[in-house]
Structures are given as C-alpha cells and as structure tokens.
C-alpha cells in the first residue's frame, strides 16, 4: 500500500481540486481501506480496489457539500505579473489544473485515470464502474474539452 501513496495522493488532489482537500481525501481513503482490508479479495488488484474506495468517498463528500472548489487566484489579481522563467511552468500547470476542474466529474475521472495515472481503459472502467465504451467516450470528450480550454488560455 505504501508504494501506491504517491499515485493515490495525485488522484485525490486531481479529484478534489486542491492540495488540502486532496490530502484529506487520501487519508480518509487509506483509513477506510485499512479498516475494510478483510473485504479486499486476494488475487484482485489492490490499487483498483483503493481507487474505487477513494472515488466513492469523493462522490459521497461531493454530494454533502455545496461549497465551491475555487482554488486559484482570479486572473485579474495579476497571477502572471513579474514571473521569471521558473514560474512560467507553474503558471502553465495552473492553467491545466483550472481546465481540469471545469470538466464534469466523469470526464475528469477518466482523464486522471487514463492520461495521468496510466491505467488501461478496461482497468479505468472497472474503477469507475462503467463499460469500456462509456469510459472511452468520457475520455475523448474530456480530452477535447481540455484541448479547447487550453487553446483559449494560450
């Protein structure tokens, strides 16, 4: 489970939209996985099982809250003023983060699992609990939407 922590943390931050909520989500997920470790079936993929737990927790938490996931300073606040070369990469990543947060949850999950985490379509579909064709459709729509949003940011 320790080897999965960086990937789980990255997925949690991607789902939640910010570091603090992502770390909380990751911690809750690990606690729940450890508490329910007897439910994990030997011979099945531990990472897929934990990702599903995290996704279910995120869905439950999202339903409970109505607060905004605004995590970035508005552009009009001068994010790009006075940046040196090292900060340009951070700003570019913030564009990607903003675009990811604008995606519908199902598309964001597909993009995170396939394009960021490197799961095969079949594995990602099992994690989110949908047919492979549905996951593929979500991924294509999400990727196209990201490309359009990032094209506008340039």
N, C-alpha and C. Protein backbone atom coordinates (compact mmCIF):
# COMPACT_ATOMS: atom_id res chain seq x y z
N UNK A 1 0.82 -1.19 0.00
CA UNK A 1 0.00 0.00 0.00
C UNK A 1 0.87 1.26 0.00
N UNK A 2 2.03 1.19 0.65
CA UNK A 2 2.91 2.35 0.69
C UNK A 2 3.36 2.78 -0.71
N UNK A 3 3.59 1.82 -1.58
CA UNK A 3 4.02 2.15 -2.93
C UNK A 3 2.93 2.89 -3.71
N UNK A 4 1.68 2.71 -3.33
CA UNK A 4 0.56 3.36 -4.02
C UNK A 4 0.33 4.81 -3.57
N UNK A 5 0.88 5.19 -2.44
CA UNK A 5 0.58 6.50 -1.86
C UNK A 5 0.79 7.69 -2.80
N UNK A 6 1.91 7.78 -3.52
CA UNK A 6 2.06 8.93 -4.43
C UNK A 6 0.97 8.99 -5.50
N UNK A 7 0.61 7.84 -6.05
CA UNK A 7 -0.43 7.80 -7.07
C UNK A 7 -1.79 8.13 -6.48
N UNK A 8 -2.08 7.59 -5.30
CA UNK A 8 -3.35 7.88 -4.64
C UNK A 8 -3.46 9.36 -4.30
N UNK A 9 -2.38 9.91 -3.82
CA UNK A 9 -2.38 11.34 -3.47
C UNK A 9 -2.61 12.19 -4.71
N UNK A 10 -1.96 11.87 -5.81
CA UNK A 10 -2.12 12.63 -7.05
C UNK A 10 -3.56 12.53 -7.55
N UNK A 11 -4.16 11.35 -7.48
CA UNK A 11 -5.53 11.16 -7.92
C UNK A 11 -6.49 11.94 -7.01
N UNK A 12 -6.23 11.90 -5.71
CA UNK A 12 -7.09 12.61 -4.75
C UNK A 12 -7.03 14.12 -4.98
N UNK A 13 -5.84 14.64 -5.22
CA UNK A 13 -5.70 16.07 -5.48
C UNK A 13 -6.39 16.42 -6.79
N UNK A 14 -6.27 15.55 -7.78
CA UNK A 14 -6.95 15.79 -9.06
C UNK A 14 -8.45 15.80 -8.92
N UNK A 15 -8.99 14.90 -8.13
CA UNK A 15 -10.44 14.85 -7.91
C UNK A 15 -10.93 16.06 -7.14
N UNK A 16 -10.22 16.39 -6.07
CA UNK A 16 -10.70 17.44 -5.17
C UNK A 16 -10.41 18.84 -5.66
N UNK A 17 -9.35 18.97 -6.43
CA UNK A 17 -9.03 20.28 -6.98
C UNK A 17 -8.05 21.10 -6.16
N UNK A 18 -7.66 20.61 -5.00
CA UNK A 18 -6.65 21.35 -4.24
C UNK A 18 -5.90 20.41 -3.30
N UNK A 19 -4.75 20.86 -2.89
CA UNK A 19 -3.83 20.04 -2.09
C UNK A 19 -4.44 19.63 -0.76
N UNK A 20 -4.99 20.59 -0.04
CA UNK A 20 -5.52 20.30 1.30
C UNK A 20 -6.65 19.27 1.27
N UNK A 21 -7.65 19.50 0.41
CA UNK A 21 -8.75 18.55 0.31
C UNK A 21 -8.28 17.21 -0.23
N UNK A 22 -7.31 17.25 -1.14
CA UNK A 22 -6.76 16.01 -1.69
C UNK A 22 -6.06 15.17 -0.63
N UNK A 23 -5.30 15.83 0.22
CA UNK A 23 -4.62 15.09 1.29
C UNK A 23 -5.63 14.51 2.28
N UNK A 24 -6.69 15.28 2.57
CA UNK A 24 -7.74 14.76 3.45
C UNK A 24 -8.41 13.55 2.83
N UNK A 25 -8.72 13.64 1.54
CA UNK A 25 -9.35 12.54 0.83
C UNK A 25 -8.45 11.31 0.83
N UNK A 26 -7.18 11.51 0.61
CA UNK A 26 -6.23 10.39 0.61
C UNK A 26 -6.17 9.74 1.99
N UNK A 27 -6.13 10.54 3.03
CA UNK A 27 -6.07 10.00 4.38
C UNK A 27 -7.34 9.21 4.72
N UNK A 28 -8.49 9.75 4.38
CA UNK A 28 -9.76 9.06 4.64
C UNK A 28 -9.79 7.73 3.88
N UNK A 29 -9.30 7.76 2.65
CA UNK A 29 -9.28 6.55 1.83
C UNK A 29 -8.41 5.47 2.45
N UNK A 30 -7.21 5.85 2.88
CA UNK A 30 -6.30 4.88 3.48
C UNK A 30 -6.91 4.31 4.76
N UNK A 31 -7.51 5.19 5.57
CA UNK A 31 -8.16 4.71 6.80
C UNK A 31 -9.25 3.70 6.48
N UNK A 32 -10.09 4.03 5.49
CA UNK A 32 -11.19 3.13 5.14
C UNK A 32 -10.66 1.83 4.56
N UNK A 33 -9.62 1.90 3.74
CA UNK A 33 -9.05 0.68 3.17
C UNK A 33 -8.48 -0.22 4.26
N UNK A 34 -7.79 0.37 5.21
CA UNK A 34 -7.23 -0.43 6.30
C UNK A 34 -8.32 -1.02 7.18
N UNK A 35 -9.36 -0.24 7.46
CA UNK A 35 -10.47 -0.72 8.27
C UNK A 35 -11.19 -1.88 7.59
N UNK A 36 -11.29 -1.80 6.26
CA UNK A 36 -12.05 -2.81 5.50
C UNK A 36 -11.15 -3.76 4.73
N UNK A 37 -9.90 -3.91 5.16
CA UNK A 37 -8.96 -4.76 4.41
C UNK A 37 -9.44 -6.20 4.27
N UNK A 38 -10.29 -6.64 5.16
CA UNK A 38 -10.80 -8.01 5.05
C UNK A 38 -11.74 -8.16 3.84
N UNK A 39 -12.22 -7.06 3.32
CA UNK A 39 -13.12 -7.10 2.15
C UNK A 39 -12.36 -7.18 0.83
N UNK A 40 -11.07 -6.88 0.85
CA UNK A 40 -10.27 -6.98 -0.37
C UNK A 40 -10.08 -8.45 -0.68
N UNK A 41 -10.33 -8.82 -1.91
CA UNK A 41 -10.23 -10.21 -2.34
C UNK A 41 -8.84 -10.51 -2.86
N UNK A 42 -8.21 -11.49 -2.26
CA UNK A 42 -6.88 -11.91 -2.68
C UNK A 42 -6.92 -12.26 -4.17
N UNK A 43 -5.92 -11.82 -4.89
CA UNK A 43 -5.85 -12.09 -6.32
C UNK A 43 -6.41 -10.96 -7.17
N UNK A 44 -7.07 -9.99 -6.55
CA UNK A 44 -7.55 -8.82 -7.29
C UNK A 44 -6.56 -7.70 -7.09
N UNK A 45 -6.67 -6.69 -7.93
CA UNK A 45 -5.72 -5.58 -7.88
C UNK A 45 -6.02 -4.67 -6.69
N UNK A 46 -5.05 -4.52 -5.83
CA UNK A 46 -5.19 -3.66 -4.67
C UNK A 46 -5.38 -2.21 -5.08
N UNK A 47 -4.62 -1.76 -6.09
CA UNK A 47 -4.73 -0.36 -6.50
C UNK A 47 -6.12 -0.03 -7.02
N UNK A 48 -6.71 -0.90 -7.83
CA UNK A 48 -8.06 -0.65 -8.33
C UNK A 48 -9.07 -0.61 -7.19
N UNK A 49 -8.91 -1.49 -6.22
CA UNK A 49 -9.82 -1.53 -5.08
C UNK A 49 -9.74 -0.22 -4.28
N UNK A 50 -8.52 0.27 -4.06
CA UNK A 50 -8.36 1.50 -3.29
C UNK A 50 -8.84 2.72 -4.09
N UNK A 51 -8.58 2.73 -5.39
CA UNK A 51 -9.07 3.83 -6.21
C UNK A 51 -10.60 3.90 -6.17
N UNK A 52 -11.23 2.75 -6.19
CA UNK A 52 -12.70 2.72 -6.13
C UNK A 52 -13.19 3.26 -4.78
N UNK A 53 -12.50 2.89 -3.71
CA UNK A 53 -12.86 3.42 -2.39
C UNK A 53 -12.75 4.95 -2.42
N UNK A 54 -11.64 5.45 -2.95
CA UNK A 54 -11.43 6.90 -3.00
C UNK A 54 -12.51 7.58 -3.82
N UNK A 55 -12.81 7.01 -4.95
CA UNK A 55 -13.84 7.60 -5.82
C UNK A 55 -15.18 7.63 -5.11
N UNK A 56 -15.54 6.57 -4.43
CA UNK A 56 -16.82 6.53 -3.71
C UNK A 56 -16.86 7.55 -2.57
N UNK A 57 -15.76 7.69 -1.86
CA UNK A 57 -15.70 8.71 -0.80
C UNK A 57 -15.87 10.09 -1.41
N UNK A 58 -15.18 10.34 -2.52
CA UNK A 58 -15.26 11.65 -3.17
C UNK A 58 -16.70 11.95 -3.60
N UNK A 59 -17.36 10.98 -4.19
CA UNK A 59 -18.75 11.18 -4.61
C UNK A 59 -19.63 11.49 -3.40
N UNK A 60 -19.45 10.73 -2.32
CA UNK A 60 -20.23 10.98 -1.11
C UNK A 60 -19.98 12.38 -0.55
N UNK A 61 -18.72 12.77 -0.50
CA UNK A 61 -18.37 14.09 0.03
C UNK A 61 -18.89 15.20 -0.88
N UNK A 62 -18.82 14.98 -2.19
CA UNK A 62 -19.30 15.99 -3.14
C UNK A 62 -20.80 16.22 -2.99
N UNK A 63 -21.52 15.17 -2.71
CA UNK A 63 -22.96 15.29 -2.53
C UNK A 63 -23.30 16.04 -1.25
N UNK A 64 -22.44 15.93 -0.24
CA UNK A 64 -22.72 16.56 1.05
C UNK A 64 -22.46 18.07 1.03
N UNK A 65 -21.60 18.49 0.17
CA UNK A 65 -21.17 19.90 0.21
C UNK A 65 -21.66 20.68 -1.01
N UNK A 66 -21.90 21.95 -0.81
CA UNK A 66 -22.30 22.81 -1.92
C UNK A 66 -21.29 23.92 -2.13
N UNK A 67 -20.20 23.85 -1.37
CA UNK A 67 -19.22 24.92 -1.48
C UNK A 67 -18.42 24.80 -2.78
N UNK A 68 -17.93 25.90 -3.23
CA UNK A 68 -17.15 25.95 -4.47
C UNK A 68 -15.76 25.39 -4.24
N UNK A 69 -15.19 24.83 -5.28
CA UNK A 69 -13.82 24.30 -5.22
C UNK A 69 -12.82 25.31 -5.80
N UNK A 70 -13.12 26.59 -5.64
CA UNK A 70 -12.23 27.63 -6.16
C UNK A 70 -10.90 27.56 -5.42
N UNK A 71 -9.83 27.26 -6.15
CA UNK A 71 -8.53 27.13 -5.51
C UNK A 71 -7.48 28.06 -6.08
N UNK A 72 -7.86 28.85 -7.05
CA UNK A 72 -6.87 29.68 -7.71
C UNK A 72 -7.21 31.15 -7.55
N UNK A 73 -6.20 31.96 -7.58
CA UNK A 73 -6.39 33.40 -7.57
C UNK A 73 -7.01 33.79 -8.91
N UNK A 74 -8.01 34.66 -8.91
CA UNK A 74 -8.58 35.08 -10.18
C UNK A 74 -7.51 35.72 -11.07
N UNK A 75 -7.66 35.55 -12.37
CA UNK A 75 -6.67 36.09 -13.30
C UNK A 75 -6.49 37.58 -13.14
N UNK A 76 -7.58 38.29 -12.84
CA UNK A 76 -7.49 39.73 -12.71
C UNK A 76 -6.66 40.16 -11.49
N UNK A 77 -6.31 39.22 -10.62
CA UNK A 77 -5.49 39.53 -9.46
C UNK A 77 -4.01 39.60 -9.82
N UNK A 78 -3.67 39.34 -11.07
CA UNK A 78 -2.30 39.52 -11.53
C UNK A 78 -1.40 38.32 -11.34
N UNK A 79 -1.91 37.11 -11.58
CA UNK A 79 -1.12 35.90 -11.40
C UNK A 79 0.16 35.93 -12.22
N UNK A 80 0.11 36.45 -13.43
CA UNK A 80 1.27 36.38 -14.32
C UNK A 80 2.20 37.56 -14.24
N UNK A 81 1.98 38.51 -13.35
CA UNK A 81 2.81 39.70 -13.28
C UNK A 81 4.15 39.37 -12.64
N UNK A 82 5.24 39.76 -13.31
CA UNK A 82 6.57 39.63 -12.74
C UNK A 82 7.08 38.21 -12.62
N UNK A 83 6.65 37.30 -13.46
CA UNK A 83 7.09 35.91 -13.38
C UNK A 83 8.44 35.73 -14.05
N UNK A 84 9.31 34.95 -13.41
CA UNK A 84 10.55 34.59 -14.08
C UNK A 84 10.34 33.26 -14.81
N UNK A 85 11.33 32.77 -15.47
CA UNK A 85 11.19 31.55 -16.26
C UNK A 85 10.75 30.34 -15.47
N UNK A 86 11.20 30.21 -14.23
CA UNK A 86 10.83 29.03 -13.43
C UNK A 86 9.35 29.05 -13.07
N UNK A 87 8.80 30.23 -12.93
CA UNK A 87 7.39 30.34 -12.55
C UNK A 87 6.45 30.10 -13.73
N UNK A 88 6.96 30.22 -14.95
CA UNK A 88 6.11 30.00 -16.12
C UNK A 88 5.55 28.59 -16.15
N UNK A 89 6.36 27.62 -15.77
CA UNK A 89 5.88 26.23 -15.75
C UNK A 89 4.78 26.07 -14.72
N UNK A 90 4.91 26.72 -13.59
CA UNK A 90 3.88 26.64 -12.55
C UNK A 90 2.59 27.27 -13.06
N UNK A 91 2.70 28.36 -13.75
CA UNK A 91 1.51 29.03 -14.30
C UNK A 91 0.86 28.15 -15.35
N UNK A 92 1.67 27.52 -16.20
CA UNK A 92 1.11 26.62 -17.22
C UNK A 92 0.36 25.47 -16.55
N UNK A 93 0.95 24.91 -15.50
CA UNK A 93 0.27 23.84 -14.78
C UNK A 93 -1.02 24.34 -14.14
N UNK A 94 -1.03 25.58 -13.69
CA UNK A 94 -2.26 26.10 -13.10
C UNK A 94 -3.35 26.22 -14.15
N UNK A 95 -2.98 26.50 -15.40
CA UNK A 95 -3.98 26.51 -16.48
C UNK A 95 -4.58 25.12 -16.65
N UNK A 96 -3.72 24.11 -16.61
CA UNK A 96 -4.20 22.73 -16.75
C UNK A 96 -5.10 22.38 -15.56
N UNK A 97 -4.68 22.75 -14.35
CA UNK A 97 -5.49 22.47 -13.16
C UNK A 97 -6.86 23.15 -13.26
N UNK A 98 -6.86 24.40 -13.66
CA UNK A 98 -8.14 25.11 -13.81
C UNK A 98 -9.03 24.43 -14.84
N UNK A 99 -8.44 24.06 -15.95
CA UNK A 99 -9.21 23.40 -17.00
C UNK A 99 -9.74 22.06 -16.51
N UNK A 100 -8.93 21.31 -15.77
CA UNK A 100 -9.38 20.02 -15.23
C UNK A 100 -10.59 20.21 -14.32
N UNK A 101 -10.57 21.26 -13.50
CA UNK A 101 -11.66 21.48 -12.56
C UNK A 101 -12.94 21.92 -13.26
N UNK A 102 -12.83 22.41 -14.48
CA UNK A 102 -14.02 22.80 -15.24
C UNK A 102 -14.69 21.60 -15.91
N UNK A 103 -13.97 20.49 -16.01
CA UNK A 103 -14.54 19.29 -16.64
C UNK A 103 -15.61 18.69 -15.73
N UNK A 104 -16.64 18.08 -16.32
CA UNK A 104 -17.58 17.32 -15.49
C UNK A 104 -16.83 16.20 -14.78
N UNK A 105 -17.33 15.80 -13.62
CA UNK A 105 -16.63 14.83 -12.79
C UNK A 105 -16.31 13.54 -13.54
N UNK A 106 -17.25 13.02 -14.33
CA UNK A 106 -17.00 11.76 -15.02
C UNK A 106 -15.86 11.88 -16.03
N UNK A 107 -15.78 13.02 -16.72
CA UNK A 107 -14.69 13.23 -17.67
C UNK A 107 -13.36 13.44 -16.94
N UNK A 108 -13.39 14.18 -15.84
CA UNK A 108 -12.18 14.43 -15.07
C UNK A 108 -11.60 13.11 -14.55
N UNK A 109 -12.48 12.22 -14.04
CA UNK A 109 -12.02 10.92 -13.57
C UNK A 109 -11.36 10.12 -14.68
N UNK A 110 -11.98 10.11 -15.85
CA UNK A 110 -11.43 9.36 -16.98
C UNK A 110 -10.06 9.90 -17.38
N UNK A 111 -9.95 11.21 -17.47
CA UNK A 111 -8.67 11.83 -17.85
C UNK A 111 -7.60 11.53 -16.79
N UNK A 112 -7.96 11.67 -15.52
CA UNK A 112 -6.99 11.41 -14.46
C UNK A 112 -6.52 9.95 -14.47
N UNK A 113 -7.46 9.02 -14.58
CA UNK A 113 -7.08 7.61 -14.51
C UNK A 113 -6.28 7.16 -15.72
N UNK A 114 -6.67 7.57 -16.93
CA UNK A 114 -6.01 7.09 -18.14
C UNK A 114 -4.79 7.93 -18.50
N UNK A 115 -4.96 9.25 -18.55
CA UNK A 115 -3.87 10.10 -19.04
C UNK A 115 -2.84 10.45 -17.96
N UNK A 116 -3.26 10.53 -16.71
CA UNK A 116 -2.32 10.89 -15.65
C UNK A 116 -1.78 9.64 -14.95
N UNK A 117 -2.68 8.76 -14.55
CA UNK A 117 -2.26 7.57 -13.80
C UNK A 117 -1.81 6.43 -14.71
N UNK A 118 -2.16 6.46 -15.99
CA UNK A 118 -1.68 5.46 -16.92
C UNK A 118 -2.42 4.14 -16.93
N UNK A 119 -3.64 4.12 -16.39
CA UNK A 119 -4.43 2.89 -16.41
C UNK A 119 -4.91 2.59 -17.82
N UNK A 120 -5.02 1.31 -18.13
CA UNK A 120 -5.64 0.88 -19.38
C UNK A 120 -7.12 1.21 -19.31
N UNK A 121 -7.75 1.35 -20.46
CA UNK A 121 -9.17 1.70 -20.50
C UNK A 121 -10.01 0.72 -19.69
N UNK A 122 -9.72 -0.56 -19.83
CA UNK A 122 -10.50 -1.58 -19.13
C UNK A 122 -10.37 -1.43 -17.62
N UNK A 123 -9.14 -1.21 -17.14
CA UNK A 123 -8.92 -1.04 -15.71
C UNK A 123 -9.60 0.21 -15.18
N UNK A 124 -9.48 1.29 -15.92
CA UNK A 124 -10.12 2.54 -15.50
C UNK A 124 -11.64 2.39 -15.48
N UNK A 125 -12.18 1.69 -16.46
CA UNK A 125 -13.63 1.45 -16.50
C UNK A 125 -14.08 0.65 -15.29
N UNK A 126 -13.28 -0.33 -14.88
CA UNK A 126 -13.61 -1.11 -13.68
C UNK A 126 -13.58 -0.25 -12.43
N UNK A 127 -12.62 0.67 -12.36
CA UNK A 127 -12.50 1.54 -11.19
C UNK A 127 -13.73 2.43 -11.05
N UNK A 128 -14.17 3.02 -12.16
CA UNK A 128 -15.33 3.93 -12.08
C UNK A 128 -16.65 3.20 -12.23
N UNK A 129 -16.61 1.92 -12.59
CA UNK A 129 -17.83 1.12 -12.65
C UNK A 129 -18.70 1.40 -13.86
N UNK A 130 -18.07 1.49 -15.03
CA UNK A 130 -18.84 1.71 -16.25
C UNK A 130 -18.24 0.84 -17.37
N UNK A 131 -18.99 0.67 -18.47
CA UNK A 131 -18.43 -0.08 -19.61
C UNK A 131 -17.23 0.65 -20.22
N UNK A 132 -16.36 -0.09 -20.88
CA UNK A 132 -15.17 0.48 -21.50
C UNK A 132 -15.55 1.53 -22.53
N UNK A 133 -16.59 1.29 -23.31
CA UNK A 133 -17.02 2.26 -24.31
C UNK A 133 -17.45 3.59 -23.69
N UNK A 134 -18.10 3.51 -22.55
CA UNK A 134 -18.52 4.73 -21.85
C UNK A 134 -17.30 5.48 -21.36
N UNK A 135 -16.34 4.76 -20.78
CA UNK A 135 -15.12 5.41 -20.32
C UNK A 135 -14.40 6.07 -21.49
N UNK A 136 -14.31 5.36 -22.61
CA UNK A 136 -13.65 5.90 -23.79
C UNK A 136 -14.32 7.19 -24.23
N UNK A 137 -15.64 7.20 -24.25
CA UNK A 137 -16.39 8.39 -24.64
C UNK A 137 -16.10 9.55 -23.69
N UNK A 138 -16.09 9.27 -22.39
CA UNK A 138 -15.80 10.31 -21.39
C UNK A 138 -14.40 10.85 -21.57
N UNK A 139 -13.45 9.96 -21.85
CA UNK A 139 -12.07 10.36 -22.04
C UNK A 139 -11.93 11.26 -23.26
N UNK A 140 -12.54 10.87 -24.36
CA UNK A 140 -12.45 11.66 -25.59
C UNK A 140 -13.07 13.04 -25.38
N UNK A 141 -14.26 13.07 -24.76
CA UNK A 141 -14.91 14.37 -24.52
C UNK A 141 -14.08 15.23 -23.56
N UNK A 142 -13.53 14.60 -22.53
CA UNK A 142 -12.70 15.34 -21.58
C UNK A 142 -11.43 15.87 -22.20
N UNK A 143 -10.77 15.02 -22.97
CA UNK A 143 -9.53 15.43 -23.65
C UNK A 143 -9.80 16.57 -24.63
N UNK A 144 -10.88 16.45 -25.41
CA UNK A 144 -11.23 17.50 -26.37
C UNK A 144 -11.55 18.81 -25.65
N UNK A 145 -12.29 18.72 -24.54
CA UNK A 145 -12.63 19.92 -23.79
C UNK A 145 -11.37 20.58 -23.21
N UNK A 146 -10.44 19.75 -22.70
CA UNK A 146 -9.19 20.29 -22.17
C UNK A 146 -8.39 21.00 -23.26
N UNK A 147 -8.30 20.37 -24.41
CA UNK A 147 -7.56 20.97 -25.52
C UNK A 147 -8.18 22.30 -25.92
N UNK A 148 -9.49 22.36 -25.95
CA UNK A 148 -10.17 23.61 -26.32
C UNK A 148 -9.92 24.69 -25.26
N UNK A 149 -10.04 24.31 -23.99
CA UNK A 149 -9.82 25.29 -22.91
C UNK A 149 -8.38 25.76 -22.88
N UNK A 150 -7.45 24.85 -23.06
CA UNK A 150 -6.03 25.23 -23.01
C UNK A 150 -5.62 26.02 -24.25
N UNK A 151 -6.30 25.76 -25.35
CA UNK A 151 -6.06 26.56 -26.56
C UNK A 151 -6.47 28.00 -26.36
N UNK A 152 -7.55 28.20 -25.59
CA UNK A 152 -8.02 29.55 -25.28
C UNK A 152 -7.08 30.27 -24.33
N UNK A 153 -6.39 29.49 -23.46
CA UNK A 153 -5.50 30.08 -22.45
C UNK A 153 -4.20 30.58 -23.07
N UNK A 154 -3.85 30.07 -24.25
CA UNK A 154 -2.58 30.44 -24.87
C UNK A 154 -2.60 31.85 -25.39
